[in-house]
Amino acid sequence: MRVSRRRGLARLRASLLPYLLTLPALLLIAGVVVYPLISNVVNSLETDYRVINQARGLKFVGLANYVAAWNQGLMQSSLSNSFRYTIGVVVLSFLLGFACALLLDQLVKTQTFYRVLIVLPWVISPVIAGFTWRWLLSDKFGYLNAVLLGLHIIKNPIIWLGDPNLAFLSVILAGTWRTFPFAMIMILAGLQQVSQELLEAAEIDGASSTQRFRHVTVPQVRSVLVVILLLSFLWTFNDFGVIQIMTQGGPLDATMVLPVLIRTVAFKHLRMGTASALSLLLAAVLLLLSIVYLRFAERDVD
């Protein structure tokens, strides 16, 4: 009996040991992720109260905050701006990163130097990047206007961040500058894994450089390209720092994207219920994009 009890206790300890070892990490995840998520869901279902009156008159209103958030015209325009900004940044950063990767793939001796130099925008803080581009595009002290005036291309300073159309193009340019190094590094890593035997065999068979690139190189890096596009789309759609620092969603809400709108509604207008509903709608969009990413990843594995 004692031997069987000891064996039973030993088995119980062995079965519980993995859970005990992971318990601190699970508690940390619960405190950092699970509790704020549940709290956000609860806030989105309660009265759209202000912070100064957060303990007064709270009541359950169901989906009223979601309906109010969706019916707002600013919500519609912000969602449209988010998709336009994301598509513009992803496409430009992908094309620029692909071009830089192809050029660096041809270099041998100086590849490391240029790779480190190009990747600097990716490692810089979004806040620093935002202030840098805000200074470069300033109509009074901006370096870009100074160069254009010095070359006599323009007669008067251009208000880059004051015009709605120019402001939107400016934030796309800044977002591309920050994002393309990631695409470049990933594509360069994929290009360096392309089978040289297949390229040499295609060249012997008379294939041109364009045909070798299209039928040999691209199929071997296709999975890398899909991952780059999908991850870049997810990250850019959730981008906040650069636009917040450069324009704060202006002028005339021309650059108001969903993350900036959520911050404005929550901390400027102090409408926590609507802000919580908006953040969950943003999470739903990102979740759908993540499902698409996982489907593509599973297809590539199969």
C-alpha atoms as a PDB file:
ATOM      1  CA  MET A   1       0.000   0.000   0.000  1.00  0.00           C
ATOM      2  CA  ARG A   2       2.753   2.448   0.947  1.00  0.00           C
ATOM      3  CA  VAL A   3       4.647   1.703  -2.256  1.00  0.00           C
ATOM      4  CA  SER A   4       1.541   2.259  -4.367  1.00  0.00           C
ATOM      5  CA  ARG A   5       0.816   5.543  -2.533  1.00  0.00           C
ATOM      6  CA  ARG A   6       4.360   6.731  -3.094  1.00  0.00           C
ATOM      7  CA  ARG A   7       4.109   5.891  -6.766  1.00  0.00           C
ATOM      8  CA  GLY A   8       0.770   7.709  -6.978  1.00  0.00           C
ATOM      9  CA  LEU A   9       2.226  10.809  -5.299  1.00  0.00           C
ATOM     10  CA  ALA A  10       5.262  10.682  -7.573  1.00  0.00           C
ATOM     11  CA  ARG A  11       3.041  10.507 -10.650  1.00  0.00           C
ATOM     12  CA  LEU A  12       0.908  13.371  -9.332  1.00  0.00           C
ATOM     13  CA  ARG A  13       3.993  15.520  -8.738  1.00  0.00           C
ATOM     14  CA  ALA A  14       5.346  14.682 -12.169  1.00  0.00           C
ATOM     15  CA  SER A  15       2.028  15.611 -13.793  1.00  0.00           C
ATOM     16  CA  LEU A  16       1.716  18.867 -11.832  1.00  0.00           C
ATOM     17  CA  LEU A  17       5.340  19.965 -12.250  1.00  0.00           C
ATOM     18  CA  PRO A  18       4.952  21.437 -15.786  1.00  0.00           C
ATOM     19  CA  TYR A  19       1.929  23.472 -14.651  1.00  0.00           C
ATOM     20  CA  LEU A  20       3.756  24.734 -11.562  1.00  0.00           C
ATOM     21  CA  LEU A  21       6.746  25.776 -13.652  1.00  0.00           C
ATOM     22  CA  THR A  22       4.559  27.693 -16.095  1.00  0.00           C
ATOM     23  CA  LEU A  23       2.338  29.201 -13.381  1.00  0.00           C
ATOM     24  CA  PRO A  24       4.374  32.455 -12.996  1.00  0.00           C
ATOM     25  CA  ALA A  25       4.252  33.069 -16.745  1.00  0.00           C
ATOM     26  CA  LEU A  26       0.510  32.311 -16.825  1.00  0.00           C
ATOM     27  CA  LEU A  27      -0.130  34.738 -13.957  1.00  0.00           C
ATOM     28  CA  LEU A  28       1.885  37.423 -15.745  1.00  0.00           C
ATOM     29  CA  ILE A  29      -0.059  36.883 -18.979  1.00  0.00           C
ATOM     30  CA  ALA A  30      -3.338  36.996 -17.058  1.00  0.00           C
ATOM     31  CA  GLY A  31      -2.370  40.287 -15.422  1.00  0.00           C
ATOM     32  CA  VAL A  32      -1.007  41.950 -18.552  1.00  0.00           C
ATOM     33  CA  VAL A  33      -3.335  40.576 -21.252  1.00  0.00           C
ATOM     34  CA  VAL A  34      -6.418  38.795 -19.921  1.00  0.00           C
ATOM     35  CA  TYR A  35      -7.480  41.267 -17.214  1.00  0.00           C
ATOM     36  CA  PRO A  36      -7.153  44.409 -19.423  1.00  0.00           C
ATOM     37  CA  LEU A  37      -9.032  42.631 -22.207  1.00  0.00           C
ATOM     38  CA  ILE A  38     -11.917  41.653 -19.933  1.00  0.00           C
ATOM     39  CA  SER A  39     -11.950  45.139 -18.412  1.00  0.00           C
ATOM     40  CA  ASN A  40     -12.070  46.669 -21.906  1.00  0.00           C
ATOM     41  CA  VAL A  41     -15.003  44.459 -22.887  1.00  0.00           C
ATOM     42  CA  VAL A  42     -16.882  45.431 -19.709  1.00  0.00           C
ATOM     43  CA  ASN A  43     -16.214  49.141 -20.298  1.00  0.00           C
ATOM     44  CA  SER A  44     -17.522  48.876 -23.852  1.00  0.00           C
ATOM     45  CA  LEU A  45     -20.836  47.505 -22.554  1.00  0.00           C
ATOM     46  CA  GLU A  46     -21.390  50.196 -19.920  1.00  0.00           C
ATOM     47  CA  THR A  47     -22.445  53.831 -20.020  1.00  0.00           C
ATOM     48  CA  ASP A  48     -20.124  56.014 -22.059  1.00  0.00           C
ATOM     49  CA  TYR A  49     -18.934  57.797 -18.932  1.00  0.00           C
ATOM     50  CA  ARG A  50     -16.238  60.391 -18.495  1.00  0.00           C
ATOM     51  CA  VAL A  51     -13.155  59.679 -16.381  1.00  0.00           C
ATOM     52  CA  ILE A  52     -14.018  62.346 -13.814  1.00  0.00           C
ATOM     53  CA  ASN A  53     -17.359  60.645 -13.171  1.00  0.00           C
ATOM     54  CA  GLN A  54     -16.273  57.060 -13.528  1.00  0.00           C
ATOM     55  CA  ALA A  55     -17.911  55.943 -10.282  1.00  0.00           C
ATOM     56  CA  ARG A  56     -21.260  57.624 -10.875  1.00  0.00           C
ATOM     57  CA  GLY A  57     -24.239  56.387 -12.814  1.00  0.00           C
ATOM     58  CA  LEU A  58     -22.692  53.392 -14.530  1.00  0.00           C
ATOM     59  CA  LYS A  59     -25.183  51.045 -16.117  1.00  0.00           C
ATOM     60  CA  PHE A  60     -25.253  48.274 -18.673  1.00  0.00           C
ATOM     61  CA  VAL A  61     -26.104  49.552 -22.151  1.00  0.00           C
ATOM     62  CA  GLY A  62     -25.232  46.475 -24.234  1.00  0.00           C
ATOM     63  CA  LEU A  63     -24.101  47.224 -27.759  1.00  0.00           C
ATOM     64  CA  ALA A  64     -25.111  50.870 -27.669  1.00  0.00           C
ATOM     65  CA  ASN A  65     -21.498  52.041 -27.614  1.00  0.00           C
ATOM     66  CA  TYR A  66     -20.696  49.876 -30.641  1.00  0.00           C
ATOM     67  CA  VAL A  67     -23.680  51.263 -32.548  1.00  0.00           C
ATOM     68  CA  ALA A  68     -22.740  54.818 -31.586  1.00  0.00           C
ATOM     69  CA  ALA A  69     -19.121  54.270 -32.614  1.00  0.00           C
ATOM     70  CA  TRP A  70     -20.103  52.782 -35.960  1.00  0.00           C
ATOM     71  CA  ASN A  71     -22.683  55.460 -36.724  1.00  0.00           C
ATOM     72  CA  GLN A  72     -20.170  58.241 -36.218  1.00  0.00           C
ATOM     73  CA  GLY A  73     -18.965  59.668 -39.506  1.00  0.00           C
ATOM     74  CA  LEU A  74     -15.447  59.930 -38.092  1.00  0.00           C
ATOM     75  CA  MET A  75     -15.419  56.174 -37.511  1.00  0.00           C
ATOM     76  CA  GLN A  76     -16.174  55.508 -41.163  1.00  0.00           C
ATOM     77  CA  SER A  77     -13.552  57.940 -42.447  1.00  0.00           C
ATOM     78  CA  SER A  78     -10.943  56.664 -39.977  1.00  0.00           C
ATOM     79  CA  LEU A  79     -11.488  53.081 -41.105  1.00  0.00           C
ATOM     80  CA  SER A  80     -11.121  54.188 -44.722  1.00  0.00           C
ATOM     81  CA  ASN A  81      -7.969  56.165 -43.879  1.00  0.00           C
ATOM     82  CA  SER A  82      -6.518  53.152 -42.070  1.00  0.00           C
ATOM     83  CA  PHE A  83      -6.935  50.921 -45.104  1.00  0.00           C
ATOM     84  CA  ARG A  84      -5.637  53.579 -47.501  1.00  0.00           C
ATOM     85  CA  TYR A  85      -2.626  54.298 -45.298  1.00  0.00           C
ATOM     86  CA  THR A  86      -1.891  50.619 -44.770  1.00  0.00           C
ATOM     87  CA  ILE A  87      -2.152  49.686 -48.443  1.00  0.00           C
ATOM     88  CA  GLY A  88       0.010  52.630 -49.486  1.00  0.00           C
ATOM     89  CA  VAL A  89       2.747  51.908 -46.929  1.00  0.00           C
ATOM     90  CA  VAL A  90       2.753  48.140 -47.493  1.00  0.00           C
ATOM     91  CA  VAL A  91       2.930  48.380 -51.292  1.00  0.00           C
ATOM     92  CA  LEU A  92       5.632  51.067 -51.342  1.00  0.00           C
ATOM     93  CA  SER A  93       7.732  49.441 -48.608  1.00  0.00           C
ATOM     94  CA  PHE A  94       7.464  46.058 -50.324  1.00  0.00           C
ATOM     95  CA  LEU A  95       8.572  47.414 -53.703  1.00  0.00           C
ATOM     96  CA  LEU A  96      11.375  49.508 -52.207  1.00  0.00           C
ATOM     97  CA  GLY A  97      12.516  46.649 -49.972  1.00  0.00           C
ATOM     98  CA  PHE A  98      12.500  44.244 -52.916  1.00  0.00           C
ATOM     99  CA  ALA A  99      14.604  46.644 -55.014  1.00  0.00           C
ATOM    100  CA  CYS A 100      17.129  47.189 -52.194  1.00  0.00           C
ATOM    101  CA  ALA A 101      17.314  43.445 -51.515  1.00  0.00           C
ATOM    102  CA  LEU A 102      18.074  42.715 -55.180  1.00  0.00           C
ATOM    103  CA  LEU A 103      20.831  45.338 -55.175  1.00  0.00           C
ATOM    104  CA  LEU A 104      22.367  44.120 -51.921  1.00  0.00           C
ATOM    105  CA  ASP A 105      22.232  40.517 -53.121  1.00  0.00           C
ATOM    106  CA  GLN A 106      24.682  41.457 -55.867  1.00  0.00           C
ATOM    107  CA  LEU A 107      27.153  42.964 -53.396  1.00  0.00           C
ATOM    108  CA  VAL A 108      29.634  40.881 -51.452  1.00  0.00           C
ATOM    109  CA  LYS A 109      32.225  43.018 -49.691  1.00  0.00           C
ATOM    110  CA  THR A 110      30.055  45.989 -48.672  1.00  0.00           C
ATOM    111  CA  GLN A 111      26.783  44.131 -48.110  1.00  0.00           C
ATOM    112  CA  THR A 112      27.018  44.202 -44.305  1.00  0.00           C
ATOM    113  CA  PHE A 113      27.715  47.940 -44.192  1.00  0.00           C
ATOM    114  CA  TYR A 114      24.762  48.875 -46.403  1.00  0.00           C
ATOM    115  CA  ARG A 115      22.489  46.384 -44.663  1.00  0.00           C
ATOM    116  CA  VAL A 116      23.184  47.983 -41.275  1.00  0.00           C
ATOM    117  CA  LEU A 117      22.774  51.473 -42.748  1.00  0.00           C
ATOM    118  CA  ILE A 118      19.420  50.703 -44.386  1.00  0.00           C
ATOM    119  CA  VAL A 119      17.980  48.905 -41.364  1.00  0.00           C
ATOM    120  CA  LEU A 120      18.430  51.934 -39.071  1.00  0.00           C
ATOM    121  CA  PRO A 121      14.915  53.362 -39.731  1.00  0.00           C
ATOM    122  CA  TRP A 122      13.421  50.059 -38.565  1.00  0.00           C
ATOM    123  CA  VAL A 123      15.168  50.131 -35.176  1.00  0.00           C
ATOM    124  CA  ILE A 124      14.493  53.820 -34.491  1.00  0.00           C
ATOM    125  CA  SER A 125      11.636  54.542 -32.096  1.00  0.00           C
ATOM    126  CA  PRO A 126       8.378  55.598 -33.820  1.00  0.00           C
ATOM    127  CA  VAL A 127       8.351  58.726 -31.641  1.00  0.00           C
ATOM    128  CA  ILE A 128      11.825  59.739 -32.798  1.00  0.00           C
ATOM    129  CA  ALA A 129      10.891  58.952 -36.403  1.00  0.00           C
ATOM    130  CA  GLY A 130       7.733  61.068 -36.097  1.00  0.00           C
ATOM    131  CA  PHE A 131       9.581  64.071 -34.688  1.00  0.00           C
ATOM    132  CA  THR A 132      12.290  63.683 -37.356  1.00  0.00           C
ATOM    133  CA  TRP A 133       9.806  63.753 -40.221  1.00  0.00           C
ATOM    134  CA  ARG A 134       7.833  66.544 -38.571  1.00  0.00           C
ATOM    135  CA  TRP A 135      11.007  68.635 -38.514  1.00  0.00           C
ATOM    136  CA  LEU A 136      11.992  67.716 -42.076  1.00  0.00           C
ATOM    137  CA  LEU A 137       8.564  68.705 -43.419  1.00  0.00           C
ATOM    138  CA  SER A 138       8.108  71.844 -41.347  1.00  0.00           C
ATOM    139  CA  ASP A 139       7.009  74.792 -43.496  1.00  0.00           C
ATOM    140  CA  LYS A 140       9.179  77.239 -41.515  1.00  0.00           C
ATOM    141  CA  PHE A 141      12.266  75.288 -40.480  1.00  0.00           C
ATOM    142  CA  GLY A 142      12.009  72.120 -42.576  1.00  0.00           C
ATOM    143  CA  TYR A 143      15.069  70.867 -44.423  1.00  0.00           C
ATOM    144  CA  LEU A 144      13.021  69.742 -47.452  1.00  0.00           C
ATOM    145  CA  ASN A 145      11.600  73.210 -48.071  1.00  0.00           C
ATOM    146  CA  ALA A 146      15.069  74.711 -47.585  1.00  0.00           C
ATOM    147  CA  VAL A 147      16.505  72.423 -50.284  1.00  0.00           C
ATOM    148  CA  LEU A 148      13.642  73.082 -52.705  1.00  0.00           C
ATOM    149  CA  LEU A 149      13.920  76.851 -52.170  1.00  0.00           C
ATOM    150  CA  GLY A 150      17.700  76.717 -52.570  1.00  0.00           C
ATOM    151  CA  LEU A 151      17.329  74.887 -55.888  1.00  0.00           C
ATOM    152  CA  HIS A 152      14.653  77.407 -56.978  1.00  0.00           C
ATOM    153  CA  ILE A 153      12.151  74.585 -57.541  1.00  0.00           C
ATOM    154  CA  ILE A 154       9.548  76.373 -55.431  1.00  0.00           C
ATOM    155  CA  LYS A 155       9.070  80.058 -54.654  1.00  0.00           C
ATOM    156  CA  ASN A 156       7.219  79.741 -51.346  1.00  0.00           C
ATOM    157  CA  PRO A 157       7.491  77.104 -48.604  1.00  0.00           C
ATOM    158  CA  ILE A 158       5.080  74.200 -48.965  1.00  0.00           C
ATOM    159  CA  ILE A 159       2.877  73.479 -45.966  1.00  0.00           C
ATOM    160  CA  TRP A 160       3.350  69.715 -46.090  1.00  0.00           C
ATOM    161  CA  LEU A 161       1.507  68.870 -42.881  1.00  0.00           C
ATOM    162  CA  GLY A 162      -1.140  71.602 -43.202  1.00  0.00           C
ATOM    163  CA  ASP A 163      -2.683  70.521 -46.480  1.00  0.00           C
ATOM    164  CA  PRO A 164      -4.982  67.444 -46.180  1.00  0.00           C
ATOM    165  CA  ASN A 165      -3.730  65.729 -49.341  1.00  0.00           C
ATOM    166  CA  LEU A 166      -0.051  66.515 -48.746  1.00  0.00           C
ATOM    167  CA  ALA A 167      -0.331  65.495 -45.089  1.00  0.00           C
ATOM    168  CA  PHE A 168      -1.695  62.084 -46.026  1.00  0.00           C
ATOM    169  CA  LEU A 169       1.080  61.551 -48.570  1.00  0.00           C
ATOM    170  CA  SER A 170       3.623  62.711 -45.980  1.00  0.00           C
ATOM    171  CA  VAL A 171       2.577  60.153 -43.354  1.00  0.00           C
ATOM    172  CA  ILE A 172       2.622  57.427 -46.023  1.00  0.00           C
ATOM    173  CA  LEU A 173       6.165  58.472 -46.924  1.00  0.00           C
ATOM    174  CA  ALA A 174       7.236  58.402 -43.269  1.00  0.00           C
ATOM    175  CA  GLY A 175       5.573  55.021 -42.721  1.00  0.00           C
ATOM    176  CA  THR A 176       7.284  53.603 -45.809  1.00  0.00           C
ATOM    177  CA  TRP A 177      10.644  54.885 -44.601  1.00  0.00           C
ATOM    178  CA  ARG A 178      10.160  53.032 -41.308  1.00  0.00           C
ATOM    179  CA  THR A 179       8.756  49.809 -42.755  1.00  0.00           C
ATOM    180  CA  PHE A 180      10.764  49.006 -45.871  1.00  0.00           C
ATOM    181  CA  PRO A 181      13.946  47.864 -43.987  1.00  0.00           C
ATOM    182  CA  PHE A 182      11.988  44.906 -42.582  1.00  0.00           C
ATOM    183  CA  ALA A 183      10.887  43.888 -46.067  1.00  0.00           C
ATOM    184  CA  MET A 184      14.422  44.351 -47.375  1.00  0.00           C
ATOM    185  CA  ILE A 185      16.043  42.176 -44.703  1.00  0.00           C
ATOM    186  CA  MET A 186      13.478  39.388 -45.068  1.00  0.00           C
ATOM    187  CA  ILE A 187      13.613  39.366 -48.874  1.00  0.00           C
ATOM    188  CA  LEU A 188      17.408  39.471 -48.837  1.00  0.00           C
ATOM    189  CA  ALA A 189      17.463  36.446 -46.510  1.00  0.00           C
ATOM    190  CA  GLY A 190      15.119  34.632 -48.890  1.00  0.00           C
ATOM    191  CA  LEU A 191      17.199  35.512 -51.954  1.00  0.00           C
ATOM    192  CA  GLN A 192      20.334  34.165 -50.321  1.00  0.00           C
ATOM    193  CA  GLN A 193      18.588  30.811 -49.817  1.00  0.00           C
ATOM    194  CA  VAL A 194      17.708  30.427 -53.509  1.00  0.00           C
ATOM    195  CA  SER A 195      19.297  27.313 -55.009  1.00  0.00           C
ATOM    196  CA  GLN A 196      22.241  28.306 -57.186  1.00  0.00           C
ATOM    197  CA  GLU A 197      22.108  24.902 -58.907  1.00  0.00           C
ATOM    198  CA  LEU A 198      18.640  25.639 -60.237  1.00  0.00           C
ATOM    199  CA  LEU A 199      19.712  29.066 -61.446  1.00  0.00           C
ATOM    200  CA  GLU A 200      22.742  27.612 -63.213  1.00  0.00           C
ATOM    201  CA  ALA A 201      20.626  24.857 -64.762  1.00  0.00           C
ATOM    202  CA  ALA A 202      18.114  27.412 -66.029  1.00  0.00           C
ATOM    203  CA  GLU A 203      20.946  29.514 -67.478  1.00  0.00           C
ATOM    204  CA  ILE A 204      22.382  26.480 -69.253  1.00  0.00           C
ATOM    205  CA  ASP A 205      18.929  25.745 -70.695  1.00  0.00           C
ATOM    206  CA  GLY A 206      18.943  29.220 -72.249  1.00  0.00           C
ATOM    207  CA  ALA A 207      16.660  31.045 -69.842  1.00  0.00           C
ATOM    208  CA  SER A 208      17.123  34.813 -69.717  1.00  0.00           C
ATOM    209  CA  SER A 209      17.729  36.716 -66.479  1.00  0.00           C
ATOM    210  CA  THR A 210      14.066  37.763 -66.409  1.00  0.00           C
ATOM    211  CA  GLN A 211      12.894  34.186 -66.919  1.00  0.00           C
ATOM    212  CA  ARG A 212      15.250  32.908 -64.220  1.00  0.00           C
ATOM    213  CA  PHE A 213      13.927  35.518 -61.819  1.00  0.00           C
ATOM    214  CA  ARG A 214      10.289  34.786 -62.638  1.00  0.00           C
ATOM    215  CA  HIS A 215      10.360  30.986 -62.779  1.00  0.00           C
ATOM    216  CA  VAL A 216      13.185  30.122 -60.353  1.00  0.00           C
ATOM    217  CA  THR A 217      13.767  32.914 -57.841  1.00  0.00           C
ATOM    218  CA  VAL A 218      10.205  34.084 -57.161  1.00  0.00           C
ATOM    219  CA  PRO A 219       8.718  30.584 -56.545  1.00  0.00           C
ATOM    220  CA  GLN A 220      11.454  29.837 -53.990  1.00  0.00           C
ATOM    221  CA  VAL A 221      10.876  33.062 -52.035  1.00  0.00           C
ATOM    222  CA  ARG A 222       7.080  33.114 -52.414  1.00  0.00           C
ATOM    223  CA  SER A 223       6.415  32.015 -48.846  1.00  0.00           C
ATOM    224  CA  VAL A 224       8.719  34.762 -47.549  1.00  0.00           C
ATOM    225  CA  LEU A 225       6.919  37.361 -49.660  1.00  0.00           C
ATOM    226  CA  VAL A 226       3.523  36.275 -48.334  1.00  0.00           C
ATOM    227  CA  VAL A 227       4.721  36.518 -44.725  1.00  0.00           C
ATOM    228  CA  ILE A 228       6.198  39.978 -45.346  1.00  0.00           C
ATOM    229  CA  LEU A 229       3.012  41.325 -46.915  1.00  0.00           C
ATOM    230  CA  LEU A 230       0.706  39.965 -44.234  1.00  0.00           C
ATOM    231  CA  LEU A 231       2.856  40.956 -41.239  1.00  0.00           C
ATOM    232  CA  SER A 232       3.478  44.404 -42.701  1.00  0.00           C
ATOM    233  CA  PHE A 233      -0.269  44.834 -43.206  1.00  0.00           C
ATOM    234  CA  LEU A 234      -1.008  43.879 -39.597  1.00  0.00           C
ATOM    235  CA  TRP A 235       1.687  46.122 -38.112  1.00  0.00           C
ATOM    236  CA  THR A 236       0.928  49.105 -40.335  1.00  0.00           C
ATOM    237  CA  PHE A 237      -2.824  48.916 -39.742  1.00  0.00           C
ATOM    238  CA  ASN A 238      -2.115  49.136 -36.012  1.00  0.00           C
ATOM    239  CA  ASP A 239       0.495  51.901 -36.412  1.00  0.00           C
ATOM    240  CA  PHE A 240       0.072  54.847 -34.063  1.00  0.00           C
ATOM    241  CA  GLY A 241       3.282  56.639 -33.124  1.00  0.00           C
ATOM    242  CA  VAL A 242       4.369  58.264 -36.391  1.00  0.00           C
ATOM    243  CA  ILE A 243       0.941  59.680 -37.329  1.00  0.00           C
ATOM    244  CA  GLN A 244       0.235  60.838 -33.782  1.00  0.00           C
ATOM    245  CA  ILE A 245       3.498  62.775 -33.597  1.00  0.00           C
ATOM    246  CA  MET A 246       3.365  64.194 -37.138  1.00  0.00           C
ATOM    247  CA  THR A 247      -0.278  65.268 -37.517  1.00  0.00           C
ATOM    248  CA  GLN A 248      -2.351  63.952 -34.574  1.00  0.00           C
ATOM    249  CA  GLY A 249      -4.915  62.916 -37.171  1.00  0.00           C
ATOM    250  CA  GLY A 250      -5.168  66.333 -38.837  1.00  0.00           C
ATOM    251  CA  PRO A 251      -5.512  68.526 -40.710  1.00  0.00           C
ATOM    252  CA  LEU A 252      -9.322  68.287 -40.884  1.00  0.00           C
ATOM    253  CA  ASP A 253      -9.048  64.611 -39.818  1.00  0.00           C
ATOM    254  CA  ALA A 254      -7.364  63.806 -43.153  1.00  0.00           C
ATOM    255  CA  THR A 255      -4.868  61.475 -41.465  1.00  0.00           C
ATOM    256  CA  MET A 256      -7.152  60.225 -38.692  1.00  0.00           C
ATOM    257  CA  VAL A 257      -6.666  56.455 -38.548  1.00  0.00           C
ATOM    258  CA  LEU A 258      -8.301  54.079 -36.074  1.00  0.00           C
ATOM    259  CA  PRO A 259      -5.472  53.890 -33.475  1.00  0.00           C
ATOM    260  CA  VAL A 260      -5.212  57.697 -33.368  1.00  0.00           C
ATOM    261  CA  LEU A 261      -9.016  58.008 -33.197  1.00  0.00           C
ATOM    262  CA  ILE A 262      -9.144  55.630 -30.229  1.00  0.00           C
ATOM    263  CA  ARG A 263      -6.550  57.680 -28.384  1.00  0.00           C
ATOM    264  CA  THR A 264      -8.373  60.929 -29.180  1.00  0.00           C
ATOM    265  CA  VAL A 265     -11.764  59.631 -28.052  1.00  0.00           C
ATOM    266  CA  ALA A 266     -10.349  58.100 -24.863  1.00  0.00           C
ATOM    267  CA  PHE A 267      -7.911  60.740 -23.600  1.00  0.00           C
ATOM    268  CA  LYS A 268      -9.075  63.939 -25.302  1.00  0.00           C
ATOM    269  CA  HIS A 269     -12.854  63.578 -25.205  1.00  0.00           C
ATOM    270  CA  LEU A 270     -12.706  61.202 -22.188  1.00  0.00           C
ATOM    271  CA  ARG A 271     -15.361  58.884 -23.639  1.00  0.00           C
ATOM    272  CA  MET A 272     -14.101  55.557 -22.380  1.00  0.00           C
ATOM    273  CA  GLY A 273     -17.065  53.423 -23.445  1.00  0.00           C
ATOM    274  CA  THR A 274     -16.866  54.484 -27.091  1.00  0.00           C
ATOM    275  CA  ALA A 275     -13.074  54.204 -27.057  1.00  0.00           C
ATOM    276  CA  SER A 276     -13.308  50.657 -25.683  1.00  0.00           C
ATOM    277  CA  ALA A 277     -15.804  49.736 -28.395  1.00  0.00           C
ATOM    278  CA  LEU A 278     -13.539  51.224 -31.077  1.00  0.00           C
ATOM    279  CA  SER A 279     -10.519  49.337 -29.751  1.00  0.00           C
ATOM    280  CA  LEU A 280     -12.436  46.045 -29.855  1.00  0.00           C
ATOM    281  CA  LEU A 281     -13.567  46.771 -33.418  1.00  0.00           C
ATOM    282  CA  LEU A 282      -9.913  47.368 -34.307  1.00  0.00           C
ATOM    283  CA  ALA A 283      -8.997  44.096 -32.590  1.00  0.00           C
ATOM    284  CA  ALA A 284     -11.676  42.314 -34.643  1.00  0.00           C
ATOM    285  CA  VAL A 285     -10.182  43.660 -37.880  1.00  0.00           C
ATOM    286  CA  LEU A 286      -6.692  42.578 -36.822  1.00  0.00           C
ATOM    287  CA  LEU A 287      -8.051  39.165 -35.813  1.00  0.00           C
ATOM    288  CA  LEU A 288      -9.547  38.655 -39.271  1.00  0.00           C
ATOM    289  CA  LEU A 289      -6.231  39.641 -40.853  1.00  0.00           C
ATOM    290  CA  SER A 290      -4.421  37.225 -38.518  1.00  0.00           C
ATOM    291  CA  ILE A 291      -6.737  34.396 -39.598  1.00  0.00           C
ATOM    292  CA  VAL A 292      -5.895  35.167 -43.224  1.00  0.00           C
ATOM    293  CA  TYR A 293      -2.203  35.077 -42.333  1.00  0.00           C
ATOM    294  CA  LEU A 294      -2.517  31.706 -40.597  1.00  0.00           C
ATOM    295  CA  ARG A 295      -4.419  30.259 -43.561  1.00  0.00           C
ATOM    296  CA  PHE A 296      -1.654  31.323 -45.938  1.00  0.00           C
ATOM    297  CA  ALA A 297       1.001  30.004 -43.552  1.00  0.00           C
ATOM    298  CA  GLU A 298      -0.704  26.615 -43.297  1.00  0.00           C
ATOM    299  CA  ARG A 299      -1.047  26.450 -47.084  1.00  0.00           C
ATOM    300  CA  ASP A 300       2.681  27.131 -47.510  1.00  0.00           C
ATOM    301  CA  VAL A 301       3.547  24.424 -44.964  1.00  0.00           C
ATOM    302  CA  ASP A 302       1.313  21.908 -46.746  1.00  0.00           C
END
